[in-house]
């Protein structure tokens, strides 16, 4: 299931549709897909705007060429530069409807991080968890639901995977068999894993969602999994997803 031309860590070319992976300053991955218009999947932290701008220029393009921005969830290391990119380009922004009001600054999360060392520390100090989650407000032009397909790149299907955040989602690039998994499934030391417990609203729900995503894409001809953190996976994709799903299932119990 290895896609020709995929080079893992730096991205590559999928049937003449090149994409690039950028690791942001807060380790969140940004993906740039090149076509008539540039498509961005997650935007990194606010300071990553300049990193994205430089990469776009290396492609011989400009930020104004960005037409679509897909956000997997509202955390600052994934949506932090969305507002600046939208302002610079006029791009349309897509995200699950549950995270849309948080991205817009219309709603606040009372306490995202309730478990784990990070969660206990952040939750103990009023306002800390909300501040860690805040991004420069950005309006979502197209709030999406589970199963919605955006007619971009031959079809970008949203797969809702709540738990990490209420609207946490993956995007399946249907035409090319590429799963942008965000933080629903990350790649830690070359092993597909669940998101960090201390940064999840409901970790058990996140585990169920990750297992569900693995099952839902089992019959797809996946050629790459592009996680929110860690290298691109383009070998033994089915096996790695199956093993991740089993580990999630053991955590959840019978």
C-alpha atoms as a PDB file:
ATOM      1  CA  UNK A   1       0.000   0.000   0.000  1.00  0.00           C
ATOM      2  CA  UNK A   2       2.952   2.332  -0.550  1.00  0.00           C
ATOM      3  CA  UNK A   3       2.058   5.276  -2.782  1.00  0.00           C
ATOM      4  CA  UNK A   4       4.548   5.964  -5.566  1.00  0.00           C
ATOM      5  CA  UNK A   5       6.580   9.068  -4.968  1.00  0.00           C
ATOM      6  CA  UNK A   6       5.674   9.419  -1.294  1.00  0.00           C
ATOM      7  CA  UNK A   7       8.760  10.172   0.729  1.00  0.00           C
ATOM      8  CA  UNK A   8       7.288  10.072   4.226  1.00  0.00           C
ATOM      9  CA  UNK A   9       8.903  12.758   6.337  1.00  0.00           C
ATOM     10  CA  UNK A  10       8.916  15.519   3.744  1.00  0.00           C
ATOM     11  CA  UNK A  11       5.872  14.599   1.721  1.00  0.00           C
ATOM     12  CA  UNK A  12       6.106  13.892  -1.976  1.00  0.00           C
ATOM     13  CA  UNK A  13       3.955  13.342  -5.003  1.00  0.00           C
ATOM     14  CA  UNK A  14       0.788  11.255  -5.248  1.00  0.00           C
ATOM     15  CA  UNK A  15      -0.068  10.688  -8.902  1.00  0.00           C
ATOM     16  CA  UNK A  16       1.118  14.177  -9.938  1.00  0.00           C
ATOM     17  CA  UNK A  17      -0.596  15.779  -6.933  1.00  0.00           C
ATOM     18  CA  UNK A  18       2.398  16.838  -4.809  1.00  0.00           C
ATOM     19  CA  UNK A  19       2.020  17.546  -1.139  1.00  0.00           C
ATOM     20  CA  UNK A  20       4.497  18.788   1.412  1.00  0.00           C
ATOM     21  CA  UNK A  21       4.636  18.201   5.131  1.00  0.00           C
ATOM     22  CA  UNK A  22       5.937  20.939   7.387  1.00  0.00           C
ATOM     23  CA  UNK A  23       6.616  20.406  11.066  1.00  0.00           C
ATOM     24  CA  UNK A  24       5.587  23.522  12.963  1.00  0.00           C
ATOM     25  CA  UNK A  25       7.418  25.052  15.884  1.00  0.00           C
ATOM     26  CA  UNK A  26       5.023  23.316  18.308  1.00  0.00           C
ATOM     27  CA  UNK A  27       5.522  19.986  16.440  1.00  0.00           C
ATOM     28  CA  UNK A  28       2.098  20.059  14.781  1.00  0.00           C
ATOM     29  CA  UNK A  29       2.221  18.991  11.122  1.00  0.00           C
ATOM     30  CA  UNK A  30       1.050  21.233   8.291  1.00  0.00           C
ATOM     31  CA  UNK A  31       0.252  19.705   4.902  1.00  0.00           C
ATOM     32  CA  UNK A  32       0.282  21.640   1.627  1.00  0.00           C
ATOM     33  CA  UNK A  33      -1.346  20.051  -1.423  1.00  0.00           C
ATOM     34  CA  UNK A  34      -0.601  21.701  -4.736  1.00  0.00           C
ATOM     35  CA  UNK A  35      -3.176  22.098  -7.507  1.00  0.00           C
ATOM     36  CA  UNK A  36      -4.778  25.007  -9.309  1.00  0.00           C
ATOM     37  CA  UNK A  37      -5.293  26.325  -5.807  1.00  0.00           C
ATOM     38  CA  UNK A  38      -3.190  25.375  -2.818  1.00  0.00           C
ATOM     39  CA  UNK A  39      -4.909  23.346  -0.111  1.00  0.00           C
ATOM     40  CA  UNK A  40      -3.703  23.465   3.492  1.00  0.00           C
ATOM     41  CA  UNK A  41      -4.560  20.778   6.038  1.00  0.00           C
ATOM     42  CA  UNK A  42      -3.940  22.229   9.513  1.00  0.00           C
ATOM     43  CA  UNK A  43      -1.949  25.431   9.898  1.00  0.00           C
ATOM     44  CA  UNK A  44       0.339  24.981  12.884  1.00  0.00           C
ATOM     45  CA  UNK A  45       0.821  27.617  15.571  1.00  0.00           C
ATOM     46  CA  UNK A  46       0.407  31.375  14.909  1.00  0.00           C
ATOM     47  CA  UNK A  47       4.169  31.769  14.394  1.00  0.00           C
ATOM     48  CA  UNK A  48       4.110  29.060  11.724  1.00  0.00           C
ATOM     49  CA  UNK A  49       2.559  31.502   9.250  1.00  0.00           C
ATOM     50  CA  UNK A  50       6.038  32.573   8.109  1.00  0.00           C
ATOM     51  CA  UNK A  51       7.216  28.967   7.799  1.00  0.00           C
ATOM     52  CA  UNK A  52       4.233  28.161   5.583  1.00  0.00           C
ATOM     53  CA  UNK A  53       4.777  31.311   3.556  1.00  0.00           C
ATOM     54  CA  UNK A  54       8.411  30.361   2.893  1.00  0.00           C
ATOM     55  CA  UNK A  55       7.454  26.819   1.858  1.00  0.00           C
ATOM     56  CA  UNK A  56       4.770  28.145  -0.484  1.00  0.00           C
ATOM     57  CA  UNK A  57       7.338  30.436  -2.112  1.00  0.00           C
ATOM     58  CA  UNK A  58       9.669  27.455  -2.611  1.00  0.00           C
ATOM     59  CA  UNK A  59       6.865  25.880  -4.648  1.00  0.00           C
ATOM     60  CA  UNK A  60       6.880  28.953  -6.868  1.00  0.00           C
ATOM     61  CA  UNK A  61       3.524  30.055  -5.478  1.00  0.00           C
ATOM     62  CA  UNK A  62       2.267  32.777  -3.165  1.00  0.00           C
ATOM     63  CA  UNK A  63       0.068  32.727  -0.078  1.00  0.00           C
ATOM     64  CA  UNK A  64      -2.651  34.307  -2.218  1.00  0.00           C
ATOM     65  CA  UNK A  65      -2.835  30.983  -4.091  1.00  0.00           C
ATOM     66  CA  UNK A  66      -4.228  29.210  -1.007  1.00  0.00           C
ATOM     67  CA  UNK A  67      -7.878  28.474  -1.727  1.00  0.00           C
ATOM     68  CA  UNK A  68      -8.883  26.016   0.999  1.00  0.00           C
ATOM     69  CA  UNK A  69      -7.882  25.440   4.623  1.00  0.00           C
ATOM     70  CA  UNK A  70      -9.011  22.239   6.362  1.00  0.00           C
ATOM     71  CA  UNK A  71      -8.726  22.232  10.165  1.00  0.00           C
ATOM     72  CA  UNK A  72      -8.813  18.940  12.054  1.00  0.00           C
ATOM     73  CA  UNK A  73      -9.431  20.548  15.471  1.00  0.00           C
ATOM     74  CA  UNK A  74      -9.162  23.841  17.298  1.00  0.00           C
ATOM     75  CA  UNK A  75      -5.907  23.356  19.249  1.00  0.00           C
ATOM     76  CA  UNK A  76      -3.375  26.135  18.769  1.00  0.00           C
ATOM     77  CA  UNK A  77      -0.693  23.878  17.244  1.00  0.00           C
ATOM     78  CA  UNK A  78      -3.121  22.943  14.453  1.00  0.00           C
ATOM     79  CA  UNK A  79      -5.287  26.026  13.901  1.00  0.00           C
ATOM     80  CA  UNK A  80      -3.084  28.831  15.209  1.00  0.00           C
ATOM     81  CA  UNK A  81      -2.108  30.306  11.833  1.00  0.00           C
ATOM     82  CA  UNK A  82      -5.518  29.819  10.204  1.00  0.00           C
ATOM     83  CA  UNK A  83      -6.690  33.392  10.818  1.00  0.00           C
ATOM     84  CA  UNK A  84      -3.553  34.940   9.315  1.00  0.00           C
ATOM     85  CA  UNK A  85      -3.602  32.594   6.315  1.00  0.00           C
ATOM     86  CA  UNK A  86      -7.293  33.273   5.705  1.00  0.00           C
ATOM     87  CA  UNK A  87      -6.744  37.027   5.888  1.00  0.00           C
ATOM     88  CA  UNK A  88      -3.779  36.873   3.516  1.00  0.00           C
ATOM     89  CA  UNK A  89      -5.409  34.584   0.970  1.00  0.00           C
ATOM     90  CA  UNK A  90      -9.186  34.807   1.297  1.00  0.00           C
ATOM     91  CA  UNK A  91      -9.240  30.998   1.501  1.00  0.00           C
ATOM     92  CA  UNK A  92     -12.331  29.096   2.613  1.00  0.00           C
ATOM     93  CA  UNK A  93     -11.969  27.438   6.016  1.00  0.00           C
ATOM     94  CA  UNK A  94     -13.487  24.034   6.810  1.00  0.00           C
ATOM     95  CA  UNK A  95     -13.882  22.330  10.203  1.00  0.00           C
ATOM     96  CA  UNK A  96     -16.382  20.176  12.060  1.00  0.00           C
ATOM     97  CA  UNK A  97     -19.359  22.149  13.289  1.00  0.00           C
ATOM     98  CA  UNK A  98     -18.652  21.304  16.956  1.00  0.00           C
ATOM     99  CA  UNK A  99     -15.285  23.104  16.868  1.00  0.00           C
ATOM    100  CA  UNK A 100     -16.411  25.971  14.614  1.00  0.00           C
ATOM    101  CA  UNK A 101     -17.712  28.292  17.388  1.00  0.00           C
ATOM    102  CA  UNK A 102     -14.562  27.689  19.443  1.00  0.00           C
ATOM    103  CA  UNK A 103     -12.376  28.559  16.460  1.00  0.00           C
ATOM    104  CA  UNK A 104     -14.417  31.718  15.952  1.00  0.00           C
ATOM    105  CA  UNK A 105     -13.950  32.759  19.567  1.00  0.00           C
ATOM    106  CA  UNK A 106     -17.682  32.556  20.209  1.00  0.00           C
ATOM    107  CA  UNK A 107     -17.387  29.745  22.763  1.00  0.00           C
ATOM    108  CA  UNK A 108     -14.757  28.838  25.320  1.00  0.00           C
ATOM    109  CA  UNK A 109     -13.744  25.438  26.528  1.00  0.00           C
ATOM    110  CA  UNK A 110     -14.104  25.329  30.285  1.00  0.00           C
ATOM    111  CA  UNK A 111     -11.374  22.759  30.916  1.00  0.00           C
ATOM    112  CA  UNK A 112      -9.898  20.738  28.109  1.00  0.00           C
ATOM    113  CA  UNK A 113      -7.113  19.062  30.013  1.00  0.00           C
ATOM    114  CA  UNK A 114      -8.535  17.131  32.965  1.00  0.00           C
ATOM    115  CA  UNK A 115      -6.351  14.034  33.060  1.00  0.00           C
ATOM    116  CA  UNK A 116      -2.670  13.194  33.035  1.00  0.00           C
ATOM    117  CA  UNK A 117       0.091  15.303  34.563  1.00  0.00           C
ATOM    118  CA  UNK A 118      -0.458  18.188  32.140  1.00  0.00           C
ATOM    119  CA  UNK A 119      -4.193  18.031  32.607  1.00  0.00           C
ATOM    120  CA  UNK A 120      -4.084  18.114  36.390  1.00  0.00           C
ATOM    121  CA  UNK A 121      -1.642  21.012  36.469  1.00  0.00           C
ATOM    122  CA  UNK A 122      -3.522  23.075  33.883  1.00  0.00           C
ATOM    123  CA  UNK A 123      -6.922  22.419  35.428  1.00  0.00           C
ATOM    124  CA  UNK A 124      -5.683  23.461  38.877  1.00  0.00           C
ATOM    125  CA  UNK A 125      -5.092  27.057  37.772  1.00  0.00           C
ATOM    126  CA  UNK A 126      -8.188  28.984  36.619  1.00  0.00           C
ATOM    127  CA  UNK A 127      -7.967  30.119  33.022  1.00  0.00           C
ATOM    128  CA  UNK A 128      -4.799  28.214  32.152  1.00  0.00           C
ATOM    129  CA  UNK A 129      -6.431  25.446  30.131  1.00  0.00           C
ATOM    130  CA  UNK A 130      -8.576  27.932  28.225  1.00  0.00           C
ATOM    131  CA  UNK A 131      -5.528  30.062  27.448  1.00  0.00           C
ATOM    132  CA  UNK A 132      -3.560  27.071  26.191  1.00  0.00           C
ATOM    133  CA  UNK A 133      -6.360  26.201  23.804  1.00  0.00           C
ATOM    134  CA  UNK A 134      -7.028  29.672  22.419  1.00  0.00           C
ATOM    135  CA  UNK A 135      -6.256  30.506  18.796  1.00  0.00           C
ATOM    136  CA  UNK A 136      -6.544  33.834  16.977  1.00  0.00           C
ATOM    137  CA  UNK A 137     -10.265  33.746  16.108  1.00  0.00           C
ATOM    138  CA  UNK A 138     -11.048  32.482  12.634  1.00  0.00           C
ATOM    139  CA  UNK A 139     -14.486  32.086  11.078  1.00  0.00           C
ATOM    140  CA  UNK A 140     -15.247  28.669   9.629  1.00  0.00           C
ATOM    141  CA  UNK A 141     -16.837  29.240   6.234  1.00  0.00           C
ATOM    142  CA  UNK A 142     -18.139  25.682   5.888  1.00  0.00           C
ATOM    143  CA  UNK A 143     -19.009  23.861   9.132  1.00  0.00           C
ATOM    144  CA  UNK A 144     -19.040  20.136   8.381  1.00  0.00           C
ATOM    145  CA  UNK A 145     -20.662  17.003   9.769  1.00  0.00           C
ATOM    146  CA  UNK A 146     -19.495  13.410   9.778  1.00  0.00           C
ATOM    147  CA  UNK A 147     -19.439  12.013   6.260  1.00  0.00           C
ATOM    148  CA  UNK A 148     -19.625  15.357   4.478  1.00  0.00           C
ATOM    149  CA  UNK A 149     -17.533  15.441   1.299  1.00  0.00           C
ATOM    150  CA  UNK A 150     -16.035  18.747   0.170  1.00  0.00           C
ATOM    151  CA  UNK A 151     -15.609  18.829  -3.644  1.00  0.00           C
ATOM    152  CA  UNK A 152     -11.931  19.749  -3.436  1.00  0.00           C
ATOM    153  CA  UNK A 153      -9.053  17.559  -4.723  1.00  0.00           C
ATOM    154  CA  UNK A 154     -11.572  15.079  -6.050  1.00  0.00           C
ATOM    155  CA  UNK A 155     -13.295  14.802  -2.653  1.00  0.00           C
ATOM    156  CA  UNK A 156     -12.232  15.470   0.930  1.00  0.00           C
ATOM    157  CA  UNK A 157     -14.438  13.449   3.303  1.00  0.00           C
ATOM    158  CA  UNK A 158     -14.672  14.433   6.951  1.00  0.00           C
ATOM    159  CA  UNK A 159     -14.583  11.575   9.462  1.00  0.00           C
ATOM    160  CA  UNK A 160     -15.668  12.809  12.883  1.00  0.00           C
ATOM    161  CA  UNK A 161     -13.423  11.479  15.664  1.00  0.00           C
ATOM    162  CA  UNK A 162     -14.501  13.276  18.855  1.00  0.00           C
ATOM    163  CA  UNK A 163     -12.739  13.001  22.186  1.00  0.00           C
ATOM    164  CA  UNK A 164      -9.518  14.915  21.656  1.00  0.00           C
ATOM    165  CA  UNK A 165     -11.807  17.901  21.070  1.00  0.00           C
ATOM    166  CA  UNK A 166     -15.581  17.866  20.483  1.00  0.00           C
ATOM    167  CA  UNK A 167     -15.136  18.370  16.743  1.00  0.00           C
ATOM    168  CA  UNK A 168     -11.862  16.537  16.263  1.00  0.00           C
ATOM    169  CA  UNK A 169     -11.849  15.023  12.783  1.00  0.00           C
ATOM    170  CA  UNK A 170      -9.856  13.318  10.050  1.00  0.00           C
ATOM    171  CA  UNK A 171     -10.046  14.079   6.325  1.00  0.00           C
ATOM    172  CA  UNK A 172      -9.932  11.330   3.731  1.00  0.00           C
ATOM    173  CA  UNK A 173      -8.650  12.488   0.354  1.00  0.00           C
ATOM    174  CA  UNK A 174     -10.828  10.030  -1.502  1.00  0.00           C
ATOM    175  CA  UNK A 175      -9.304  10.334  -4.956  1.00  0.00           C
ATOM    176  CA  UNK A 176      -5.765   9.588  -3.755  1.00  0.00           C
ATOM    177  CA  UNK A 177      -6.336   7.392  -0.699  1.00  0.00           C
ATOM    178  CA  UNK A 178      -4.655   9.753   1.745  1.00  0.00           C
ATOM    179  CA  UNK A 179      -5.936  10.010   5.320  1.00  0.00           C
ATOM    180  CA  UNK A 180      -5.104  13.245   7.131  1.00  0.00           C
ATOM    181  CA  UNK A 181      -5.640  11.932  10.639  1.00  0.00           C
ATOM    182  CA  UNK A 182      -4.863  15.048  12.673  1.00  0.00           C
ATOM    183  CA  UNK A 183      -4.559  14.128  16.334  1.00  0.00           C
ATOM    184  CA  UNK A 184      -7.168  11.368  16.177  1.00  0.00           C
ATOM    185  CA  UNK A 185      -4.258   9.066  15.292  1.00  0.00           C
ATOM    186  CA  UNK A 186      -0.669  10.230  15.654  1.00  0.00           C
ATOM    187  CA  UNK A 187       2.658   8.625  14.768  1.00  0.00           C
ATOM    188  CA  UNK A 188       4.851   8.295  17.840  1.00  0.00           C
ATOM    189  CA  UNK A 189       8.261   6.709  17.241  1.00  0.00           C
ATOM    190  CA  UNK A 190       6.852   5.117  14.056  1.00  0.00           C
ATOM    191  CA  UNK A 191       3.949   3.493  15.934  1.00  0.00           C
ATOM    192  CA  UNK A 192       0.398   4.743  15.356  1.00  0.00           C
ATOM    193  CA  UNK A 193      -1.003   5.826  18.713  1.00  0.00           C
ATOM    194  CA  UNK A 194      -3.832   7.718  20.380  1.00  0.00           C
ATOM    195  CA  UNK A 195      -3.605  11.450  21.137  1.00  0.00           C
ATOM    196  CA  UNK A 196      -1.939  12.664  24.324  1.00  0.00           C
ATOM    197  CA  UNK A 197      -4.232  12.029  27.268  1.00  0.00           C
ATOM    198  CA  UNK A 198      -3.573  15.405  28.929  1.00  0.00           C
ATOM    199  CA  UNK A 199      -4.650  17.282  25.835  1.00  0.00           C
ATOM    200  CA  UNK A 200      -7.957  15.461  25.291  1.00  0.00           C
ATOM    201  CA  UNK A 201     -11.425  16.466  26.468  1.00  0.00           C
ATOM    202  CA  UNK A 202     -12.475  12.827  26.845  1.00  0.00           C
ATOM    203  CA  UNK A 203      -9.676  10.320  26.339  1.00  0.00           C
ATOM    204  CA  UNK A 204     -11.865   7.213  26.413  1.00  0.00           C
ATOM    205  CA  UNK A 205     -14.020   8.756  23.703  1.00  0.00           C
ATOM    206  CA  UNK A 206     -10.844   9.614  21.774  1.00  0.00           C
ATOM    207  CA  UNK A 207      -9.779   5.959  22.001  1.00  0.00           C
ATOM    208  CA  UNK A 208     -13.169   4.776  20.728  1.00  0.00           C
ATOM    209  CA  UNK A 209     -12.973   7.298  17.889  1.00  0.00           C
ATOM    210  CA  UNK A 210      -9.484   6.186  16.843  1.00  0.00           C
ATOM    211  CA  UNK A 211     -10.628   2.563  16.758  1.00  0.00           C
ATOM    212  CA  UNK A 212     -13.690   3.604  14.764  1.00  0.00           C
ATOM    213  CA  UNK A 213     -11.590   5.524  12.230  1.00  0.00           C
ATOM    214  CA  UNK A 214      -9.336   2.487  11.728  1.00  0.00           C
ATOM    215  CA  UNK A 215     -12.388   0.324  11.074  1.00  0.00           C
ATOM    216  CA  UNK A 216     -14.040   2.834   8.756  1.00  0.00           C
ATOM    217  CA  UNK A 217     -11.021   3.121   6.477  1.00  0.00           C
ATOM    218  CA  UNK A 218     -10.116  -0.592   6.556  1.00  0.00           C
ATOM    219  CA  UNK A 219     -11.636  -1.172   3.115  1.00  0.00           C
ATOM    220  CA  UNK A 220     -10.165   1.974   1.565  1.00  0.00           C
ATOM    221  CA  UNK A 221      -7.136   1.721  -0.683  1.00  0.00           C
ATOM    222  CA  UNK A 222      -5.046   3.882   1.611  1.00  0.00           C
ATOM    223  CA  UNK A 223      -1.687   4.945   0.277  1.00  0.00           C
ATOM    224  CA  UNK A 224      -0.672   7.277   3.098  1.00  0.00           C
ATOM    225  CA  UNK A 225      -1.683   8.327   6.594  1.00  0.00           C
ATOM    226  CA  UNK A 226      -0.671  11.905   7.333  1.00  0.00           C
ATOM    227  CA  UNK A 227      -0.826  12.360  11.122  1.00  0.00           C
ATOM    228  CA  UNK A 228      -0.970  15.561  13.116  1.00  0.00           C
ATOM    229  CA  UNK A 229       2.339  14.656  14.752  1.00  0.00           C
ATOM    230  CA  UNK A 230       5.120  12.416  13.483  1.00  0.00           C
ATOM    231  CA  UNK A 231       6.173  11.109  10.061  1.00  0.00           C
ATOM    232  CA  UNK A 232       3.876  10.231   7.184  1.00  0.00           C
ATOM    233  CA  UNK A 233       3.016   6.512   7.100  1.00  0.00           C
ATOM    234  CA  UNK A 234       3.147   4.917   3.656  1.00  0.00           C
ATOM    235  CA  UNK A 235       4.080   1.302   4.442  1.00  0.00           C
ATOM    236  CA  UNK A 236       2.028  -1.450   6.132  1.00  0.00           C
ATOM    237  CA  UNK A 237      -0.786   1.031   6.594  1.00  0.00           C
ATOM    238  CA  UNK A 238      -3.519  -1.546   7.129  1.00  0.00           C
ATOM    239  CA  UNK A 239      -1.450  -3.510   9.634  1.00  0.00           C
ATOM    240  CA  UNK A 240      -0.468  -0.440  11.623  1.00  0.00           C
ATOM    241  CA  UNK A 241      -4.049   0.800  11.799  1.00  0.00           C
ATOM    242  CA  UNK A 242      -5.280  -2.632  12.851  1.00  0.00           C
ATOM    243  CA  UNK A 243      -2.696  -2.873  15.629  1.00  0.00           C
ATOM    244  CA  UNK A 244      -3.522   0.622  16.833  1.00  0.00           C
ATOM    245  CA  UNK A 245      -7.212  -0.296  16.904  1.00  0.00           C
ATOM    246  CA  UNK A 246      -6.479  -3.399  18.991  1.00  0.00           C
ATOM    247  CA  UNK A 247      -4.441  -1.374  21.489  1.00  0.00           C
ATOM    248  CA  UNK A 248      -7.279   1.134  21.760  1.00  0.00           C
ATOM    249  CA  UNK A 249      -9.708  -1.710  22.323  1.00  0.00           C
ATOM    250  CA  UNK A 250      -7.601  -3.167  25.152  1.00  0.00           C
ATOM    251  CA  UNK A 251      -7.630   0.206  26.873  1.00  0.00           C
ATOM    252  CA  UNK A 252     -11.415   0.396  26.636  1.00  0.00           C
ATOM    253  CA  UNK A 253     -11.944  -3.133  27.895  1.00  0.00           C
ATOM    254  CA  UNK A 254     -14.942  -5.354  27.172  1.00  0.00           C
END
